[in-house]
Amino acid sequence: MKGLKKLGRIPGRDVSVTGFNDSLLARSTDPELSSVNSRPEEMGETAVSILSRVLEGEDPPKITLVRPELVLRESTSPFTEKKE
């Protein structure tokens, strides 16, 4: 985003910028960075739960989903479809 600002572009107005993992830094930038929260804590808890059940003799699930969340902040503008 610093590079965009040096080019005279404003993140969130001229260009949308999105990060991944929604770290503390995403909330510390100016403007605040929109980000995908991949929910690492939930993934870890789920993995431990599955491992515990497997160690007790259960079969692991074939599929386990941890749905990410898009956290919108100031670095993205609302989507508008271009009309040609």
PDB file of N, CA and C in Angstrom:
ATOM      1  N   MET A   1       0.832  -1.179   0.000  1.00  0.00           N
ATOM      2  CA  MET A   1       0.000   0.000   0.000  1.00  0.00           C
ATOM      3  C   MET A   1       0.878   1.244   0.000  1.00  0.00           C
ATOM      4  N   LYS A   2       2.060   1.145   0.620  1.00  0.00           N
ATOM      5  CA  LYS A   2       2.976   2.285   0.564  1.00  0.00           C
ATOM      6  C   LYS A   2       3.362   2.588  -0.873  1.00  0.00           C
ATOM      7  N   GLY A   3       3.611   1.529  -1.655  1.00  0.00           N
ATOM      8  CA  GLY A   3       3.970   1.710  -3.061  1.00  0.00           C
ATOM      9  C   GLY A   3       2.864   2.386  -3.849  1.00  0.00           C
ATOM     10  N   LEU A   4       1.623   2.000  -3.574  1.00  0.00           N
ATOM     11  CA  LEU A   4       0.494   2.636  -4.249  1.00  0.00           C
ATOM     12  C   LEU A   4       0.423   4.114  -3.901  1.00  0.00           C
ATOM     13  N   LYS A   5       0.634   4.413  -2.624  1.00  0.00           N
ATOM     14  CA  LYS A   5       0.590   5.812  -2.196  1.00  0.00           C
ATOM     15  C   LYS A   5       1.693   6.614  -2.871  1.00  0.00           C
ATOM     16  N   LYS A   6       2.890   6.012  -3.023  1.00  0.00           N
ATOM     17  CA  LYS A   6       3.986   6.708  -3.702  1.00  0.00           C
ATOM     18  C   LYS A   6       3.644   6.998  -5.157  1.00  0.00           C
ATOM     19  N   LEU A   7       2.815   6.143  -5.752  1.00  0.00           N
ATOM     20  CA  LEU A   7       2.381   6.343  -7.136  1.00  0.00           C
ATOM     21  C   LEU A   7       1.177   7.279  -7.247  1.00  0.00           C
ATOM     22  N   GLY A   8       0.725   7.792  -6.101  1.00  0.00           N
ATOM     23  CA  GLY A   8      -0.411   8.704  -6.100  1.00  0.00           C
ATOM     24  C   GLY A   8      -1.759   8.010  -6.123  1.00  0.00           C
ATOM     25  N   ARG A   9      -1.766   6.715  -5.860  1.00  0.00           N
ATOM     26  CA  ARG A   9      -3.012   5.952  -5.828  1.00  0.00           C
ATOM     27  C   ARG A   9      -3.454   5.791  -4.383  1.00  0.00           C
ATOM     28  N   ILE A  10      -4.741   5.813  -4.170  1.00  0.00           N
ATOM     29  CA  ILE A  10      -5.279   5.674  -2.813  1.00  0.00           C
ATOM     30  C   ILE A  10      -5.924   4.302  -2.671  1.00  0.00           C
ATOM     31  N   PRO A  11      -5.339   3.431  -1.807  1.00  0.00           N
ATOM     32  CA  PRO A  11      -5.941   2.118  -1.573  1.00  0.00           C
ATOM     33  C   PRO A  11      -7.361   2.275  -1.016  1.00  0.00           C
ATOM     34  N   GLY A  12      -8.270   1.510  -1.581  1.00  0.00           N
ATOM     35  CA  GLY A  12      -9.661   1.582  -1.152  1.00  0.00           C
ATOM     36  C   GLY A  12     -10.491   2.526  -1.998  1.00  0.00           C
ATOM     37  N   ARG A  13      -9.823   3.434  -2.702  1.00  0.00           N
ATOM     38  CA  ARG A  13     -10.546   4.320  -3.614  1.00  0.00           C
ATOM     39  C   ARG A  13     -10.149   4.029  -5.059  1.00  0.00           C
ATOM     40  N   ASP A  14      -8.845   4.118  -5.353  1.00  0.00           N
ATOM     41  CA  ASP A  14      -8.360   3.892  -6.716  1.00  0.00           C
ATOM     42  C   ASP A  14      -8.080   2.417  -6.990  1.00  0.00           C
ATOM     43  N   VAL A  15      -7.644   1.708  -5.983  1.00  0.00           N
ATOM     44  CA  VAL A  15      -7.254   0.304  -6.095  1.00  0.00           C
ATOM     45  C   VAL A  15      -7.718  -0.422  -4.841  1.00  0.00           C
ATOM     46  N   SER A  16      -8.281  -1.616  -5.009  1.00  0.00           N
ATOM     47  CA  SER A  16      -8.637  -2.438  -3.852  1.00  0.00           C
ATOM     48  C   SER A  16      -7.482  -3.380  -3.543  1.00  0.00           C
ATOM     49  N   VAL A  17      -7.148  -3.491  -2.274  1.00  0.00           N
ATOM     50  CA  VAL A  17      -6.042  -4.343  -1.824  1.00  0.00           C
ATOM     51  C   VAL A  17      -6.577  -5.271  -0.744  1.00  0.00           C
ATOM     52  N   THR A  18      -6.277  -6.571  -0.885  1.00  0.00           N
ATOM     53  CA  THR A  18      -6.729  -7.556   0.094  1.00  0.00           C
ATOM     54  C   THR A  18      -5.563  -8.425   0.510  1.00  0.00           C
ATOM     55  N   GLY A  19      -5.458  -8.728   1.791  1.00  0.00           N
ATOM     56  CA  GLY A  19      -4.416  -9.604   2.312  1.00  0.00           C
ATOM     57  C   GLY A  19      -4.981 -10.969   2.671  1.00  0.00           C
ATOM     58  N   PHE A  20      -4.132 -11.780   3.291  1.00  0.00           N
ATOM     59  CA  PHE A  20      -4.540 -13.122   3.684  1.00  0.00           C
ATOM     60  C   PHE A  20      -4.026 -13.401   5.089  1.00  0.00           C
ATOM     61  N   ASN A  21      -4.819 -14.036   5.893  1.00  0.00           N
ATOM     62  CA  ASN A  21      -4.553 -14.475   7.263  1.00  0.00           C
ATOM     63  C   ASN A  21      -4.991 -13.483   8.326  1.00  0.00           C
ATOM     64  N   ASP A  22      -5.419 -12.296   7.947  1.00  0.00           N
ATOM     65  CA  ASP A  22      -6.000 -11.331   8.879  1.00  0.00           C
ATOM     66  C   ASP A  22      -5.178 -11.166  10.152  1.00  0.00           C
ATOM     67  N   SER A  23      -3.893 -10.909   9.989  1.00  0.00           N
ATOM     68  CA  SER A  23      -3.017 -10.720  11.144  1.00  0.00           C
ATOM     69  C   SER A  23      -3.292  -9.372  11.805  1.00  0.00           C
ATOM     70  N   LEU A  24      -2.678  -9.168  12.941  1.00  0.00           N
ATOM     71  CA  LEU A  24      -2.798  -7.904  13.657  1.00  0.00           C
ATOM     72  C   LEU A  24      -2.350  -6.745  12.768  1.00  0.00           C
ATOM     73  N   LEU A  25      -1.382  -6.997  11.894  1.00  0.00           N
ATOM     74  CA  LEU A  25      -0.897  -5.944  11.002  1.00  0.00           C
ATOM     75  C   LEU A  25      -1.989  -5.430  10.071  1.00  0.00           C
ATOM     76  N   ALA A  26      -2.935  -6.278   9.707  1.00  0.00           N
ATOM     77  CA  ALA A  26      -4.016  -5.854   8.811  1.00  0.00           C
ATOM     78  C   ALA A  26      -4.818  -4.719   9.432  1.00  0.00           C
ATOM     79  N   ARG A  27      -4.935  -4.720  10.741  1.00  0.00           N
ATOM     80  CA  ARG A  27      -5.681  -3.669  11.439  1.00  0.00           C
ATOM     81  C   ARG A  27      -4.795  -2.489  11.788  1.00  0.00           C
ATOM     82  N   SER A  28      -3.492  -2.626  11.553  1.00  0.00           N
ATOM     83  CA  SER A  28      -2.535  -1.584  11.937  1.00  0.00           C
ATOM     84  C   SER A  28      -2.079  -0.726  10.767  1.00  0.00           C
ATOM     85  N   THR A  29      -2.522  -1.049   9.548  1.00  0.00           N
ATOM     86  CA  THR A  29      -2.101  -0.280   8.387  1.00  0.00           C
ATOM     87  C   THR A  29      -3.018   0.916   8.188  1.00  0.00           C
ATOM     88  N   ASP A  30      -2.588   1.822   7.328  1.00  0.00           N
ATOM     89  CA  ASP A  30      -3.410   2.982   7.004  1.00  0.00           C
ATOM     90  C   ASP A  30      -3.510   3.085   5.496  1.00  0.00           C
ATOM     91  N   PRO A  31      -4.657   2.783   4.925  1.00  0.00           N
ATOM     92  CA  PRO A  31      -5.910   2.377   5.561  1.00  0.00           C
ATOM     93  C   PRO A  31      -5.835   0.930   6.057  1.00  0.00           C
ATOM     94  N   GLU A  32      -6.771   0.570   6.933  1.00  0.00           N
ATOM     95  CA  GLU A  32      -6.805  -0.804   7.434  1.00  0.00           C
ATOM     96  C   GLU A  32      -7.034  -1.767   6.272  1.00  0.00           C
ATOM     97  N   LEU A  33      -6.291  -2.893   6.286  1.00  0.00           N
ATOM     98  CA  LEU A  33      -6.270  -3.844   5.179  1.00  0.00           C
ATOM     99  C   LEU A  33      -7.409  -4.855   5.263  1.00  0.00           C
ATOM    100  N   SER A  34      -8.208  -4.924   4.201  1.00  0.00           N
ATOM    101  CA  SER A  34      -9.184  -6.014   4.087  1.00  0.00           C
ATOM    102  C   SER A  34      -8.398  -7.310   3.982  1.00  0.00           C
ATOM    103  N   SER A  35      -8.917  -8.388   4.536  1.00  0.00           N
ATOM    104  CA  SER A  35      -8.124  -9.617   4.578  1.00  0.00           C
ATOM    105  C   SER A  35      -9.020 -10.842   4.693  1.00  0.00           C
ATOM    106  N   VAL A  36      -8.471 -11.968   4.272  1.00  0.00           N
ATOM    107  CA  VAL A  36      -9.150 -13.249   4.447  1.00  0.00           C
ATOM    108  C   VAL A  36      -8.679 -13.834   5.779  1.00  0.00           C
ATOM    109  N   ASN A  37      -9.611 -14.106   6.668  1.00  0.00           N
ATOM    110  CA  ASN A  37      -9.289 -14.769   7.929  1.00  0.00           C
ATOM    111  C   ASN A  37      -9.417 -16.266   7.679  1.00  0.00           C
ATOM    112  N   SER A  38      -8.280 -16.957   7.638  1.00  0.00           N
ATOM    113  CA  SER A  38      -8.286 -18.394   7.349  1.00  0.00           C
ATOM    114  C   SER A  38      -8.604 -19.236   8.585  1.00  0.00           C
ATOM    115  N   ARG A  39      -8.803 -18.582   9.714  1.00  0.00           N
ATOM    116  CA  ARG A  39      -9.195 -19.225  10.974  1.00  0.00           C
ATOM    117  C   ARG A  39      -8.186 -20.286  11.435  1.00  0.00           C
ATOM    118  N   PRO A  40      -6.921 -19.909  11.594  1.00  0.00           N
ATOM    119  CA  PRO A  40      -5.906 -20.893  11.988  1.00  0.00           C
ATOM    120  C   PRO A  40      -6.181 -21.540  13.350  1.00  0.00           C
ATOM    121  N   GLU A  41      -6.761 -20.788  14.286  1.00  0.00           N
ATOM    122  CA  GLU A  41      -7.052 -21.378  15.598  1.00  0.00           C
ATOM    123  C   GLU A  41      -8.084 -22.491  15.463  1.00  0.00           C
ATOM    124  N   GLU A  42      -9.116 -22.234  14.665  1.00  0.00           N
ATOM    125  CA  GLU A  42     -10.157 -23.251  14.453  1.00  0.00           C
ATOM    126  C   GLU A  42      -9.576 -24.463  13.735  1.00  0.00           C
ATOM    127  N   MET A  43      -8.665 -24.222  12.782  1.00  0.00           N
ATOM    128  CA  MET A  43      -8.022 -25.351  12.085  1.00  0.00           C
ATOM    129  C   MET A  43      -7.230 -26.200  13.066  1.00  0.00           C
ATOM    130  N   GLY A  44      -6.483 -25.549  13.959  1.00  0.00           N
ATOM    131  CA  GLY A  44      -5.700 -26.289  14.945  1.00  0.00           C
ATOM    132  C   GLY A  44      -6.576 -27.085  15.892  1.00  0.00           C
ATOM    133  N   GLU A  45      -7.636 -26.444  16.389  1.00  0.00           N
ATOM    134  CA  GLU A  45      -8.555 -27.144  17.298  1.00  0.00           C
ATOM    135  C   GLU A  45      -9.207 -28.339  16.605  1.00  0.00           C
ATOM    136  N   THR A  46      -9.582 -28.154  15.351  1.00  0.00           N
ATOM    137  CA  THR A  46     -10.206 -29.233  14.593  1.00  0.00           C
ATOM    138  C   THR A  46      -9.222 -30.378  14.380  1.00  0.00           C
ATOM    139  N   ALA A  47      -7.984 -30.041  14.045  1.00  0.00           N
ATOM    140  CA  ALA A  47      -6.960 -31.072  13.821  1.00  0.00           C
ATOM    141  C   ALA A  47      -6.706 -31.877  15.087  1.00  0.00           C
ATOM    142  N   VAL A  48      -6.624 -31.204  16.230  1.00  0.00           N
ATOM    143  CA  VAL A  48      -6.398 -31.897  17.500  1.00  0.00           C
ATOM    144  C   VAL A  48      -7.590 -32.798  17.824  1.00  0.00           C
ATOM    145  N   SER A  49      -8.781 -32.306  17.583  1.00  0.00           N
ATOM    146  CA  SER A  49      -9.982 -33.106  17.846  1.00  0.00           C
ATOM    147  C   SER A  49     -10.008 -34.362  16.980  1.00  0.00           C
ATOM    148  N   ILE A  50      -9.702 -34.211  15.701  1.00  0.00           N
ATOM    149  CA  ILE A  50      -9.680 -35.368  14.800  1.00  0.00           C
ATOM    150  C   ILE A  50      -8.595 -36.348  15.225  1.00  0.00           C
ATOM    151  N   LEU A  51      -7.409 -35.838  15.540  1.00  0.00           N
ATOM    152  CA  LEU A  51      -6.306 -36.705  15.963  1.00  0.00           C
ATOM    153  C   LEU A  51      -6.679 -37.472  17.224  1.00  0.00           C
ATOM    154  N   SER A  52      -7.314 -36.814  18.175  1.00  0.00           N
ATOM    155  CA  SER A  52      -7.724 -37.493  19.407  1.00  0.00           C
ATOM    156  C   SER A  52      -8.691 -38.634  19.112  1.00  0.00           C
ATOM    157  N   ARG A  53      -9.638 -38.374  18.222  1.00  0.00           N
ATOM    158  CA  ARG A  53     -10.608 -39.421  17.878  1.00  0.00           C
ATOM    159  C   ARG A  53      -9.931 -40.581  17.141  1.00  0.00           C
ATOM    160  N   VAL A  54      -8.977 -40.265  16.261  1.00  0.00           N
ATOM    161  CA  VAL A  54      -8.250 -41.320  15.533  1.00  0.00           C
ATOM    162  C   VAL A  54      -7.443 -42.167  16.507  1.00  0.00           C
ATOM    163  N   LEU A  55      -6.810 -41.521  17.493  1.00  0.00           N
ATOM    164  CA  LEU A  55      -6.029 -42.255  18.489  1.00  0.00           C
ATOM    165  C   LEU A  55      -6.908 -43.150  19.353  1.00  0.00           C
ATOM    166  N   GLU A  56      -8.199 -42.819  19.447  1.00  0.00           N
ATOM    167  CA  GLU A  56      -9.152 -43.644  20.187  1.00  0.00           C
ATOM    168  C   GLU A  56      -9.771 -44.728  19.306  1.00  0.00           C
ATOM    169  N   GLY A  57      -9.319 -44.808  18.036  1.00  0.00           N
ATOM    170  CA  GLY A  57      -9.779 -45.877  17.164  1.00  0.00           C
ATOM    171  C   GLY A  57     -10.835 -45.498  16.148  1.00  0.00           C
ATOM    172  N   GLU A  58     -11.278 -44.274  16.153  1.00  0.00           N
ATOM    173  CA  GLU A  58     -12.291 -43.851  15.181  1.00  0.00           C
ATOM    174  C   GLU A  58     -11.640 -43.579  13.826  1.00  0.00           C
ATOM    175  N   ASP A  59     -12.409 -43.711  12.777  1.00  0.00           N
ATOM    176  CA  ASP A  59     -11.940 -43.344  11.449  1.00  0.00           C
ATOM    177  C   ASP A  59     -11.990 -41.826  11.307  1.00  0.00           C
ATOM    178  N   PRO A  60     -11.005 -41.253  10.631  1.00  0.00           N
ATOM    179  CA  PRO A  60     -11.046 -39.797  10.430  1.00  0.00           C
ATOM    180  C   PRO A  60     -12.123 -39.428   9.428  1.00  0.00           C
ATOM    181  N   PRO A  61     -12.663 -38.226   9.509  1.00  0.00           N
ATOM    182  CA  PRO A  61     -13.657 -37.813   8.514  1.00  0.00           C
ATOM    183  C   PRO A  61     -12.998 -37.709   7.141  1.00  0.00           C
ATOM    184  N   LYS A  62     -13.759 -37.987   6.108  1.00  0.00           N
ATOM    185  CA  LYS A  62     -13.223 -37.881   4.748  1.00  0.00           C
ATOM    186  C   LYS A  62     -12.953 -36.429   4.379  1.00  0.00           C
ATOM    187  N   ILE A  63     -13.816 -35.545   4.826  1.00  0.00           N
ATOM    188  CA  ILE A  63     -13.668 -34.118   4.527  1.00  0.00           C
ATOM    189  C   ILE A  63     -13.931 -33.317   5.796  1.00  0.00           C
ATOM    190  N   THR A  64     -13.103 -32.344   6.029  1.00  0.00           N
ATOM    191  CA  THR A  64     -13.317 -31.417   7.130  1.00  0.00           C
ATOM    192  C   THR A  64     -13.163 -30.008   6.578  1.00  0.00           C
ATOM    193  N   LEU A  65     -14.169 -29.178   6.752  1.00  0.00           N
ATOM    194  CA  LEU A  65     -14.134 -27.814   6.238  1.00  0.00           C
ATOM    195  C   LEU A  65     -14.015 -26.807   7.361  1.00  0.00           C
ATOM    196  N   VAL A  66     -13.120 -25.873   7.185  1.00  0.00           N
ATOM    197  CA  VAL A  66     -13.050 -24.692   8.035  1.00  0.00           C
ATOM    198  C   VAL A  66     -13.218 -23.521   7.079  1.00  0.00           C
ATOM    199  N   ARG A  67     -14.358 -22.883   7.153  1.00  0.00           N
ATOM    200  CA  ARG A  67     -14.676 -21.828   6.184  1.00  0.00           C
ATOM    201  C   ARG A  67     -13.951 -20.524   6.534  1.00  0.00           C
ATOM    202  N   PRO A  68     -13.225 -19.988   5.563  1.00  0.00           N
ATOM    203  CA  PRO A  68     -12.572 -18.696   5.793  1.00  0.00           C
ATOM    204  C   PRO A  68     -13.609 -17.579   5.795  1.00  0.00           C
ATOM    205  N   GLU A  69     -13.199 -16.434   6.275  1.00  0.00           N
ATOM    206  CA  GLU A  69     -14.094 -15.277   6.345  1.00  0.00           C
ATOM    207  C   GLU A  69     -13.396 -14.092   5.686  1.00  0.00           C
ATOM    208  N   LEU A  70     -14.106 -13.393   4.821  1.00  0.00           N
ATOM    209  CA  LEU A  70     -13.581 -12.178   4.225  1.00  0.00           C
ATOM    210  C   LEU A  70     -13.901 -11.023   5.160  1.00  0.00           C
ATOM    211  N   VAL A  71     -12.851 -10.375   5.653  1.00  0.00           N
ATOM    212  CA  VAL A  71     -13.014  -9.251   6.576  1.00  0.00           C
ATOM    213  C   VAL A  71     -12.772  -7.972   5.777  1.00  0.00           C
ATOM    214  N   LEU A  72     -13.832  -7.242   5.506  1.00  0.00           N
ATOM    215  CA  LEU A  72     -13.720  -6.027   4.709  1.00  0.00           C
ATOM    216  C   LEU A  72     -13.383  -4.838   5.590  1.00  0.00           C
ATOM    217  N   ARG A  73     -12.360  -4.116   5.157  1.00  0.00           N
ATOM    218  CA  ARG A  73     -11.956  -2.896   5.852  1.00  0.00           C
ATOM    219  C   ARG A  73     -11.800  -1.783   4.820  1.00  0.00           C
ATOM    220  N   GLU A  74     -10.990  -0.809   5.132  1.00  0.00           N
ATOM    221  CA  GLU A  74     -10.887   0.398   4.312  1.00  0.00           C
ATOM    222  C   GLU A  74     -10.104   0.226   3.011  1.00  0.00           C
ATOM    223  N   SER A  75      -9.331  -0.845   2.857  1.00  0.00           N
ATOM    224  CA  SER A  75      -8.465  -0.968   1.680  1.00  0.00           C
ATOM    225  C   SER A  75      -9.181  -1.495   0.437  1.00  0.00           C
ATOM    226  N   THR A  76     -10.469  -1.790   0.559  1.00  0.00           N
ATOM    227  CA  THR A  76     -11.246  -2.225  -0.601  1.00  0.00           C
ATOM    228  C   THR A  76     -12.488  -1.353  -0.741  1.00  0.00           C
ATOM    229  N   SER A  77     -12.858  -1.147  -1.982  1.00  0.00           N
ATOM    230  CA  SER A  77     -14.082  -0.406  -2.236  1.00  0.00           C
ATOM    231  C   SER A  77     -15.162  -1.384  -2.663  1.00  0.00           C
ATOM    232  N   PRO A  78     -16.418  -0.994  -2.570  1.00  0.00           N
ATOM    233  CA  PRO A  78     -17.494  -1.890  -2.986  1.00  0.00           C
ATOM    234  C   PRO A  78     -17.359  -2.277  -4.447  1.00  0.00           C
ATOM    235  N   PHE A  79     -17.694  -3.522  -4.760  1.00  0.00           N
ATOM    236  CA  PHE A  79     -17.647  -4.009  -6.141  1.00  0.00           C
ATOM    237  C   PHE A  79     -18.730  -3.346  -6.957  1.00  0.00           C
ATOM    238  N   THR A  80     -18.344  -2.827  -8.098  1.00  0.00           N
ATOM    239  CA  THR A  80     -19.316  -2.307  -9.053  1.00  0.00           C
ATOM    240  C   THR A  80     -18.976  -2.911 -10.401  1.00  0.00           C
ATOM    241  N   GLU A  81     -19.988  -3.396 -11.081  1.00  0.00           N
ATOM    242  CA  GLU A  81     -19.779  -4.028 -12.378  1.00  0.00           C
ATOM    243  C   GLU A  81     -19.637  -2.951 -13.445  1.00  0.00           C
ATOM    244  N   LYS A  82     -18.593  -3.086 -14.265  1.00  0.00           N
ATOM    245  CA  LYS A  82     -18.389  -2.123 -15.347  1.00  0.00           C
ATOM    246  C   LYS A  82     -19.453  -2.303 -16.418  1.00  0.00           C
ATOM    247  N   LYS A  83     -19.986  -1.209 -16.890  1.00  0.00           N
ATOM    248  CA  LYS A  83     -20.966  -1.264 -17.981  1.00  0.00           C
ATOM    249  C   LYS A  83     -20.270  -0.701 -19.209  1.00  0.00           C
ATOM    250  N   GLU A  84     -20.308  -1.490 -20.281  1.00  0.00           N
ATOM    251  CA  GLU A  84     -19.645  -1.031 -21.506  1.00  0.00           C
ATOM    252  C   GLU A  84     -20.643  -0.630 -22.544  1.00  0.00           C
TER     253      GLU A  84
END
